Amino acid sequence: MELIVRSFSQLATEELYDILRLRSEVFVVEQNCVYLDPDGTDKESLHVFLRDEEGILAYARLFVKNNDPLTVQIGRVVSRVRRKGYGTIVLRECIRQAHEYFQAEEIILEAQTYAKFFYEAEGFVQTSEEFLEDGIPHICMKWTK
């Protein structure tokens, strides 16, 4: 296994394809949610993914939120193989990169409600009531130093 961190311009064409395919397989097809996944944010994001010889196991992106350099948002957290700890590896690296690469003091995310405990295990706390995004229940969460 290999943990990789790349800016958008550093991604190889095949890596970008595999990332977009995994996100579409889970967020669009599996969750039956029609939305435009390539939303323009990828170009400003740092992409963190874990891969093996068969492809990407887990992925997430992080980016500066609303031009506030002290706040970084993590998004598109997804795992091809679940319940193996791959998502946790990627999430922990996102937290590390938020501090080291961005020097963030605060990390936020919009979690699907069912994943609340996954994020809480890494120190995130719920900061909003439940809301619907693209028909799926979400909550806002925050991690601070």
Protein backbone atom coordinates (compact mmCIF):
# COMPACT_ATOMS: atom_id res chain seq x y z
CA MET A 1 0.00 0.00 0.00
CA GLU A 2 1.06 3.53 -0.72
CA LEU A 3 -0.28 6.77 0.80
CA ILE A 4 -0.13 9.61 -1.72
CA VAL A 5 -0.65 13.37 -1.36
CA ARG A 6 -0.80 15.47 -4.52
CA SER A 7 -2.03 18.84 -5.70
CA PHE A 8 -4.36 18.79 -8.68
CA SER A 9 -1.56 19.62 -11.13
CA GLN A 10 0.56 16.77 -9.74
CA LEU A 11 -2.10 14.11 -10.34
CA ALA A 12 -1.40 11.74 -13.20
CA THR A 13 -4.24 11.38 -15.71
CA GLU A 14 -4.90 7.81 -14.59
CA GLU A 15 -4.96 8.84 -10.91
CA LEU A 16 -7.50 11.58 -11.63
CA TYR A 17 -9.64 9.15 -13.62
CA ASP A 18 -9.53 6.57 -10.80
CA ILE A 19 -10.43 9.23 -8.20
CA LEU A 20 -13.40 10.52 -10.19
CA ARG A 21 -14.56 6.98 -10.95
CA LEU A 22 -14.47 5.94 -7.27
CA ARG A 23 -16.32 9.06 -6.18
CA SER A 24 -18.96 8.51 -8.86
CA GLU A 25 -19.34 4.82 -8.03
CA VAL A 26 -20.08 5.58 -4.39
CA PHE A 27 -21.64 9.05 -4.23
CA VAL A 28 -23.62 9.00 -7.48
CA VAL A 29 -24.40 5.34 -8.28
CA GLU A 30 -24.35 3.52 -4.91
CA GLN A 31 -26.05 6.36 -3.02
CA ASN A 32 -28.36 7.11 -5.96
CA CYS A 33 -27.57 10.82 -5.80
CA VAL A 34 -27.50 12.80 -9.02
CA TYR A 35 -25.12 15.75 -8.67
CA LEU A 36 -22.09 17.18 -10.42
CA ASP A 37 -19.13 15.66 -8.58
CA PRO A 38 -16.33 17.54 -10.43
CA ASP A 39 -17.36 20.85 -8.89
CA GLY A 40 -14.29 22.98 -9.61
CA THR A 41 -12.95 22.62 -6.07
CA ASP A 42 -10.63 19.79 -7.11
CA LYS A 43 -8.33 22.29 -8.83
CA GLU A 44 -7.61 24.07 -5.51
CA SER A 45 -7.52 20.91 -3.41
CA LEU A 46 -4.86 18.69 -1.99
CA HIS A 47 -5.74 15.09 -2.86
CA VAL A 48 -4.96 12.32 -0.38
CA PHE A 49 -5.37 8.70 -1.36
CA LEU A 50 -4.30 5.23 -0.42
CA ARG A 51 -3.70 2.76 -3.21
CA ASP A 52 -2.44 -0.73 -3.83
CA GLU A 53 -1.72 -2.66 -7.01
CA GLU A 54 -5.45 -2.90 -7.76
CA GLY A 55 -6.17 0.82 -7.46
CA ILE A 56 -7.41 3.40 -5.00
CA LEU A 57 -8.56 2.02 -1.64
CA ALA A 58 -9.61 5.31 -0.04
CA TYR A 59 -9.59 8.99 -0.94
CA ALA A 60 -10.30 12.50 0.41
CA ARG A 61 -9.56 16.06 -0.61
CA LEU A 62 -8.84 19.14 1.48
CA PHE A 63 -8.95 22.82 0.61
CA VAL A 64 -9.01 26.29 2.15
CA LYS A 65 -12.59 27.20 3.05
CA ASN A 66 -14.01 30.56 1.93
CA ASN A 67 -10.56 32.11 1.45
CA ASP A 68 -9.90 31.81 5.19
CA PRO A 69 -6.36 30.41 5.33
CA LEU A 70 -6.83 29.23 8.91
CA THR A 71 -9.82 27.02 8.03
CA VAL A 72 -9.48 23.92 5.88
CA GLN A 73 -12.34 21.71 4.75
CA ILE A 74 -12.09 17.98 4.17
CA GLY A 75 -14.47 16.49 1.65
CA ARG A 76 -15.28 13.61 -0.65
CA VAL A 77 -14.06 11.07 1.92
CA VAL A 78 -14.64 7.69 0.32
CA SER A 79 -13.42 4.10 0.60
CA ARG A 80 -13.59 1.39 -2.05
CA VAL A 81 -13.01 -1.25 0.62
CA ARG A 82 -14.84 -0.64 3.87
CA ARG A 83 -14.20 -1.64 7.48
CA LYS A 84 -10.46 -2.18 6.89
CA GLY A 85 -9.22 1.14 8.33
CA TYR A 86 -8.29 2.65 4.95
CA GLY A 87 -10.58 5.64 5.39
CA THR A 88 -9.05 6.32 8.81
CA ILE A 89 -5.54 6.33 7.32
CA VAL A 90 -6.61 8.89 4.71
CA LEU A 91 -8.51 11.02 7.26
CA ARG A 92 -5.53 11.12 9.63
CA GLU A 93 -3.27 12.19 6.76
CA CYS A 94 -5.76 14.93 5.84
CA ILE A 95 -5.61 16.25 9.41
CA ARG A 96 -1.81 16.17 9.30
CA GLN A 97 -1.70 17.92 5.92
CA ALA A 98 -4.20 20.56 7.09
CA HIS A 99 -1.71 21.53 9.77
CA GLU A 100 1.57 21.04 7.94
CA TYR A 101 0.67 22.13 4.39
CA PHE A 102 -2.02 24.72 5.12
CA GLN A 103 -1.10 25.68 8.73
CA ALA A 104 -4.82 25.44 9.54
CA GLU A 105 -6.10 26.06 13.04
CA GLU A 106 -9.54 24.64 12.30
CA ILE A 107 -10.69 21.76 10.10
CA ILE A 108 -14.33 21.44 9.07
CA LEU A 109 -16.35 18.94 7.11
CA GLU A 110 -19.91 18.11 6.17
CA ALA A 111 -20.40 14.48 7.13
CA GLN A 112 -23.14 12.17 6.08
CA THR A 113 -24.97 11.61 9.35
CA TYR A 114 -24.37 7.84 9.39
CA ALA A 115 -20.58 8.52 9.45
CA LYS A 116 -20.66 10.75 12.54
CA PHE A 117 -18.93 8.18 14.76
CA PHE A 118 -16.16 7.65 12.19
CA TYR A 119 -15.24 11.34 12.41
CA GLU A 120 -15.77 11.58 16.17
CA ALA A 121 -13.19 8.82 16.62
CA GLU A 122 -10.62 11.22 15.14
CA GLY A 123 -11.62 14.19 17.31
CA PHE A 124 -14.29 15.93 15.23
CA VAL A 125 -17.33 17.33 17.03
CA GLN A 126 -20.78 18.01 15.62
CA THR A 127 -21.48 21.72 15.14
CA SER A 128 -24.87 21.76 13.40
CA GLU A 129 -28.26 20.20 13.34
CA GLU A 130 -28.90 17.60 10.66
CA PHE A 131 -29.62 18.98 7.19
CA LEU A 132 -30.24 17.53 3.75
CA GLU A 133 -27.65 17.89 1.02
CA ASP A 134 -28.60 16.34 -2.30
CA GLY A 135 -31.30 14.38 -0.44
CA ILE A 136 -28.84 12.81 2.04
CA PRO A 137 -28.78 13.70 5.78
CA HIS A 138 -25.58 15.55 6.76
CA ILE A 139 -24.13 17.37 9.77
CA CYS A 140 -21.33 19.92 10.05
CA MET A 141 -18.34 18.88 12.14
CA LYS A 142 -15.19 20.64 13.34
CA TRP A 143 -11.73 19.69 14.56
CA THR A 144 -9.59 22.25 16.39
CA LYS A 145 -6.08 22.15 17.81
